[in-house]
N, C-alpha and C. Protein backbone atom coordinates (compact mmCIF):
# COMPACT_ATOMS: atom_id res chain seq x y z
N UNK A 1 4.53 -9.79 10.20
CA UNK A 1 4.31 -9.05 8.98
C UNK A 1 4.30 -9.97 7.76
N UNK A 2 5.22 -10.92 7.72
CA UNK A 2 5.32 -11.79 6.54
C UNK A 2 4.01 -12.52 6.24
N UNK A 3 3.24 -12.85 7.26
CA UNK A 3 1.99 -13.57 7.03
C UNK A 3 0.91 -12.69 6.41
N UNK A 4 1.09 -11.38 6.42
CA UNK A 4 0.11 -10.46 5.83
C UNK A 4 0.45 -10.05 4.40
N UNK A 5 1.65 -10.42 3.90
CA UNK A 5 2.04 -10.05 2.55
C UNK A 5 1.27 -10.88 1.54
N UNK A 6 0.75 -10.19 0.53
CA UNK A 6 -0.08 -10.85 -0.49
C UNK A 6 0.66 -10.92 -1.82
N UNK A 7 1.28 -9.81 -2.24
CA UNK A 7 1.98 -9.74 -3.52
C UNK A 7 3.32 -9.03 -3.30
N UNK A 8 4.40 -9.56 -3.90
CA UNK A 8 5.73 -8.99 -3.72
C UNK A 8 6.49 -8.83 -5.03
N UNK A 9 6.11 -7.87 -5.88
CA UNK A 9 6.92 -7.65 -7.08
C UNK A 9 8.24 -6.94 -6.73
N UNK A 10 9.01 -6.59 -7.74
CA UNK A 10 10.36 -6.08 -7.53
C UNK A 10 10.44 -4.77 -6.74
N UNK A 11 9.56 -3.80 -7.01
CA UNK A 11 9.72 -2.46 -6.44
C UNK A 11 8.68 -2.09 -5.38
N UNK A 12 7.74 -2.94 -5.10
CA UNK A 12 6.68 -2.60 -4.14
C UNK A 12 6.21 -3.88 -3.45
N UNK A 13 5.48 -3.70 -2.36
CA UNK A 13 4.93 -4.83 -1.61
C UNK A 13 3.49 -4.49 -1.26
N UNK A 14 2.63 -5.47 -1.32
CA UNK A 14 1.22 -5.30 -0.95
C UNK A 14 0.92 -6.24 0.19
N UNK A 15 0.22 -5.73 1.21
CA UNK A 15 -0.10 -6.55 2.37
C UNK A 15 -1.37 -6.05 3.03
N UNK A 16 -1.94 -6.88 3.88
CA UNK A 16 -3.14 -6.51 4.64
C UNK A 16 -2.75 -5.57 5.78
N UNK A 17 -3.53 -4.51 5.96
CA UNK A 17 -3.28 -3.55 7.03
C UNK A 17 -3.47 -4.22 8.39
N UNK A 18 -2.57 -3.96 9.33
CA UNK A 18 -2.66 -4.53 10.67
C UNK A 18 -3.78 -3.86 11.47
N UNK A 19 -4.17 -2.65 11.09
CA UNK A 19 -5.24 -1.91 11.75
C UNK A 19 -6.23 -1.45 10.69
N UNK A 20 -6.99 -2.39 10.08
CA UNK A 20 -7.84 -2.04 8.94
C UNK A 20 -9.01 -1.13 9.32
N UNK A 21 -9.42 -0.30 8.35
CA UNK A 21 -10.59 0.56 8.52
C UNK A 21 -11.84 -0.13 7.99
N UNK A 22 -11.68 -1.31 7.38
CA UNK A 22 -12.78 -2.11 6.85
C UNK A 22 -12.37 -3.57 6.94
N UNK A 23 -13.30 -4.46 6.59
CA UNK A 23 -12.99 -5.90 6.64
C UNK A 23 -11.76 -6.24 5.79
N UNK A 24 -11.64 -5.62 4.63
CA UNK A 24 -10.49 -5.79 3.76
C UNK A 24 -9.85 -4.42 3.58
N UNK A 25 -8.58 -4.30 3.93
CA UNK A 25 -7.85 -3.03 3.81
C UNK A 25 -6.42 -3.39 3.42
N UNK A 26 -6.10 -3.16 2.16
CA UNK A 26 -4.80 -3.54 1.63
C UNK A 26 -3.90 -2.32 1.52
N UNK A 27 -2.61 -2.52 1.76
CA UNK A 27 -1.61 -1.46 1.72
C UNK A 27 -0.57 -1.80 0.66
N UNK A 28 -0.18 -0.79 -0.12
CA UNK A 28 0.91 -0.93 -1.09
C UNK A 28 1.99 0.08 -0.69
N UNK A 29 3.21 -0.40 -0.52
CA UNK A 29 4.34 0.48 -0.18
C UNK A 29 5.51 0.15 -1.09
N UNK A 30 6.39 1.12 -1.31
CA UNK A 30 7.59 0.81 -2.08
C UNK A 30 8.54 -0.04 -1.25
N UNK A 31 9.36 -0.84 -1.90
CA UNK A 31 10.38 -1.59 -1.17
C UNK A 31 11.43 -0.66 -0.59
N UNK A 32 11.73 0.41 -1.32
CA UNK A 32 12.70 1.39 -0.85
C UNK A 32 12.01 2.31 0.16
N UNK A 33 12.59 2.44 1.33
CA UNK A 33 12.01 3.30 2.36
C UNK A 33 12.44 4.74 2.11
N UNK A 34 11.46 5.58 1.83
CA UNK A 34 11.70 6.99 1.53
C UNK A 34 10.70 7.84 2.29
N UNK A 35 10.95 9.14 2.36
CA UNK A 35 10.06 10.05 3.07
C UNK A 35 9.03 10.70 2.16
N UNK A 36 9.22 10.62 0.86
CA UNK A 36 8.27 11.18 -0.10
C UNK A 36 8.36 10.39 -1.40
N UNK A 37 7.28 10.32 -2.13
CA UNK A 37 7.26 9.59 -3.40
C UNK A 37 8.27 10.17 -4.38
N UNK A 38 8.59 11.44 -4.21
CA UNK A 38 9.51 12.11 -5.13
C UNK A 38 10.95 11.63 -4.98
N UNK A 39 11.22 10.84 -3.95
CA UNK A 39 12.54 10.22 -3.79
C UNK A 39 12.63 8.89 -4.52
N UNK A 40 11.53 8.45 -5.13
CA UNK A 40 11.51 7.22 -5.91
C UNK A 40 11.72 7.55 -7.39
N UNK A 41 12.29 6.62 -8.11
CA UNK A 41 12.41 6.79 -9.57
C UNK A 41 11.02 6.69 -10.19
N UNK A 42 10.91 7.13 -11.43
CA UNK A 42 9.63 7.01 -12.15
C UNK A 42 9.23 5.54 -12.25
N UNK A 43 10.19 4.67 -12.48
CA UNK A 43 9.92 3.23 -12.54
C UNK A 43 9.33 2.73 -11.23
N UNK A 44 9.89 3.14 -10.11
CA UNK A 44 9.38 2.71 -8.79
C UNK A 44 7.99 3.29 -8.52
N UNK A 45 7.76 4.53 -8.94
CA UNK A 45 6.43 5.14 -8.77
C UNK A 45 5.39 4.38 -9.59
N UNK A 46 5.74 4.05 -10.83
CA UNK A 46 4.82 3.29 -11.69
C UNK A 46 4.55 1.91 -11.09
N UNK A 47 5.56 1.31 -10.48
CA UNK A 47 5.40 -0.01 -9.88
C UNK A 47 4.34 0.01 -8.78
N UNK A 48 4.30 1.10 -8.01
CA UNK A 48 3.28 1.24 -6.96
C UNK A 48 1.90 1.25 -7.58
N UNK A 49 1.70 2.09 -8.60
CA UNK A 49 0.39 2.19 -9.23
C UNK A 49 0.00 0.91 -9.95
N UNK A 50 0.98 0.24 -10.57
CA UNK A 50 0.68 -1.04 -11.22
C UNK A 50 0.24 -2.08 -10.20
N UNK A 51 0.86 -2.07 -9.03
CA UNK A 51 0.47 -3.03 -8.00
C UNK A 51 -0.92 -2.70 -7.46
N UNK A 52 -1.24 -1.43 -7.31
CA UNK A 52 -2.60 -1.06 -6.90
C UNK A 52 -3.62 -1.59 -7.91
N UNK A 53 -3.31 -1.48 -9.20
CA UNK A 53 -4.22 -2.00 -10.22
C UNK A 53 -4.37 -3.51 -10.12
N UNK A 54 -3.27 -4.21 -9.85
CA UNK A 54 -3.34 -5.67 -9.69
C UNK A 54 -4.16 -6.05 -8.47
N UNK A 55 -3.95 -5.35 -7.36
CA UNK A 55 -4.72 -5.61 -6.14
C UNK A 55 -6.21 -5.39 -6.41
N UNK A 56 -6.52 -4.29 -7.08
CA UNK A 56 -7.91 -3.97 -7.40
C UNK A 56 -8.55 -5.10 -8.22
N UNK A 57 -7.85 -5.59 -9.24
CA UNK A 57 -8.38 -6.67 -10.07
C UNK A 57 -8.62 -7.94 -9.25
N UNK A 58 -7.68 -8.27 -8.39
CA UNK A 58 -7.85 -9.47 -7.55
C UNK A 58 -9.03 -9.33 -6.60
N UNK A 59 -9.18 -8.14 -6.02
CA UNK A 59 -10.30 -7.93 -5.10
C UNK A 59 -11.63 -7.91 -5.86
N UNK A 60 -11.64 -7.36 -7.07
CA UNK A 60 -12.86 -7.38 -7.88
C UNK A 60 -13.29 -8.81 -8.15
N UNK A 61 -12.34 -9.65 -8.49
CA UNK A 61 -12.63 -11.05 -8.79
C UNK A 61 -13.11 -11.80 -7.55
N UNK A 62 -12.43 -11.57 -6.44
CA UNK A 62 -12.74 -12.33 -5.23
C UNK A 62 -13.91 -11.82 -4.42
N UNK A 63 -14.12 -10.50 -4.42
CA UNK A 63 -15.12 -9.92 -3.51
C UNK A 63 -16.27 -9.20 -4.21
N UNK A 64 -16.08 -8.84 -5.47
CA UNK A 64 -17.08 -8.12 -6.26
C UNK A 64 -17.61 -6.87 -5.55
N UNK A 65 -16.73 -5.96 -5.10
CA UNK A 65 -17.21 -4.74 -4.47
C UNK A 65 -17.83 -3.79 -5.50
N UNK A 66 -18.63 -2.84 -5.03
CA UNK A 66 -19.24 -1.85 -5.91
C UNK A 66 -18.24 -0.78 -6.35
N UNK A 67 -17.27 -0.51 -5.51
CA UNK A 67 -16.24 0.48 -5.82
C UNK A 67 -15.07 0.30 -4.86
N UNK A 68 -14.10 1.20 -4.95
CA UNK A 68 -12.93 1.16 -4.08
C UNK A 68 -12.63 2.54 -3.53
N UNK A 69 -12.08 2.56 -2.34
CA UNK A 69 -11.47 3.77 -1.80
C UNK A 69 -9.97 3.55 -1.97
N UNK A 70 -9.34 4.39 -2.77
CA UNK A 70 -7.91 4.31 -2.99
C UNK A 70 -7.32 5.62 -2.50
N UNK A 71 -6.52 5.56 -1.46
CA UNK A 71 -5.94 6.76 -0.87
C UNK A 71 -4.43 6.71 -0.92
N UNK A 72 -3.83 7.87 -1.05
CA UNK A 72 -2.38 7.96 -1.14
C UNK A 72 -1.87 8.90 -0.06
N UNK A 73 -0.92 8.43 0.73
CA UNK A 73 -0.30 9.25 1.78
C UNK A 73 1.16 9.46 1.40
N UNK A 74 1.62 10.71 1.49
CA UNK A 74 2.99 11.05 1.09
C UNK A 74 3.60 12.00 2.11
N UNK A 75 4.49 11.49 2.95
CA UNK A 75 5.20 12.32 3.91
C UNK A 75 4.79 12.07 5.34
N UNK A 76 5.67 12.45 6.25
CA UNK A 76 5.46 12.19 7.67
C UNK A 76 4.26 12.92 8.25
N UNK A 77 3.94 14.12 7.76
CA UNK A 77 2.83 14.89 8.30
C UNK A 77 1.47 14.25 8.02
N UNK A 78 1.43 13.23 7.16
CA UNK A 78 0.17 12.54 6.87
C UNK A 78 -0.17 11.52 7.95
N UNK A 79 0.72 11.37 8.93
CA UNK A 79 0.46 10.44 10.01
C UNK A 79 0.97 9.05 9.75
N UNK A 80 1.84 8.89 8.76
CA UNK A 80 2.40 7.59 8.44
C UNK A 80 3.50 7.25 9.42
N UNK A 81 3.87 5.98 9.49
CA UNK A 81 4.94 5.58 10.42
C UNK A 81 6.24 6.33 10.16
N UNK A 82 7.13 6.27 11.11
CA UNK A 82 8.41 6.96 11.05
C UNK A 82 9.20 6.58 9.81
N UNK A 83 9.80 7.58 9.19
CA UNK A 83 10.63 7.35 8.00
C UNK A 83 11.98 6.78 8.43
N UNK A 84 12.37 5.67 7.81
CA UNK A 84 13.67 5.07 8.09
C UNK A 84 14.37 4.79 6.77
N UNK A 85 15.59 4.40 6.83
CA UNK A 85 16.32 4.05 5.62
C UNK A 85 16.59 2.56 5.54
N UNK A 86 16.10 1.79 6.50
CA UNK A 86 16.28 0.34 6.45
C UNK A 86 14.93 -0.34 6.58
N UNK A 87 14.85 -1.54 6.08
CA UNK A 87 13.60 -2.30 6.13
C UNK A 87 13.52 -3.04 7.45
N UNK A 88 12.60 -2.64 8.32
CA UNK A 88 12.48 -3.28 9.62
C UNK A 88 11.18 -4.06 9.76
N UNK A 89 10.22 -3.83 8.88
CA UNK A 89 8.92 -4.48 8.95
C UNK A 89 8.30 -4.38 10.33
N UNK A 90 8.35 -3.20 10.89
CA UNK A 90 7.68 -2.94 12.16
C UNK A 90 6.83 -1.70 11.95
N UNK A 91 6.48 -1.01 13.01
CA UNK A 91 5.73 0.24 12.87
C UNK A 91 6.57 1.28 12.13
N UNK A 92 7.87 1.17 12.15
CA UNK A 92 8.70 2.06 11.35
C UNK A 92 8.71 1.55 9.93
N UNK A 93 8.60 2.43 8.99
CA UNK A 93 8.57 2.02 7.59
C UNK A 93 8.52 3.22 6.69
N UNK A 94 8.18 3.01 5.44
CA UNK A 94 8.15 4.12 4.50
C UNK A 94 7.08 5.13 4.89
N UNK A 95 7.35 6.39 4.60
CA UNK A 95 6.39 7.44 4.92
C UNK A 95 5.40 7.64 3.78
N UNK A 96 5.45 6.78 2.78
CA UNK A 96 4.43 6.83 1.73
C UNK A 96 3.75 5.48 1.67
N UNK A 97 2.45 5.52 1.35
CA UNK A 97 1.72 4.28 1.21
C UNK A 97 0.46 4.52 0.42
N UNK A 98 -0.01 3.48 -0.21
CA UNK A 98 -1.23 3.48 -1.00
C UNK A 98 -2.21 2.54 -0.33
N UNK A 99 -3.43 3.00 -0.07
CA UNK A 99 -4.46 2.17 0.53
C UNK A 99 -5.46 1.74 -0.53
N UNK A 100 -5.92 0.50 -0.46
CA UNK A 100 -6.97 0.01 -1.34
C UNK A 100 -8.01 -0.70 -0.48
N UNK A 101 -9.21 -0.12 -0.44
CA UNK A 101 -10.27 -0.64 0.42
C UNK A 101 -11.52 -0.85 -0.42
N UNK A 102 -12.03 -2.08 -0.54
CA UNK A 102 -13.27 -2.31 -1.28
C UNK A 102 -14.44 -1.61 -0.58
N UNK A 103 -15.38 -1.10 -1.36
CA UNK A 103 -16.56 -0.42 -0.81
C UNK A 103 -17.82 -1.01 -1.43
N UNK A 104 -18.88 -1.02 -0.65
CA UNK A 104 -20.14 -1.61 -1.08
C UNK A 104 -21.27 -0.61 -0.90
N UNK A 105 -22.23 -0.62 -1.80
CA UNK A 105 -23.42 0.25 -1.69
C UNK A 105 -24.29 -0.25 -0.55
N UNK A 106 -24.99 0.69 0.06
CA UNK A 106 -25.95 0.30 1.09
C UNK A 106 -25.47 0.37 2.42
């Protein structure tokens, strides 16, 4: 997992998806493992969105995509990995995540 981490600010982590739906598929998750975004403070929620914006800017610079698919999953019923209360960096992890996938016309 450590080799896939791209950006690590205080409240969130961004990394490449192990099972990408496209050539580039980045994931943003909170550092705190929770079952819903509503268990995060407003500061932690903002940190997720700020990191998505940073990832988007880096991908725009490096790849020049036409647009992005940005998806948000919140809760176990969305098909996210098992909710835990400890950081294991395995298939178990936070039940919320933000996806950022560059998209191209044509």
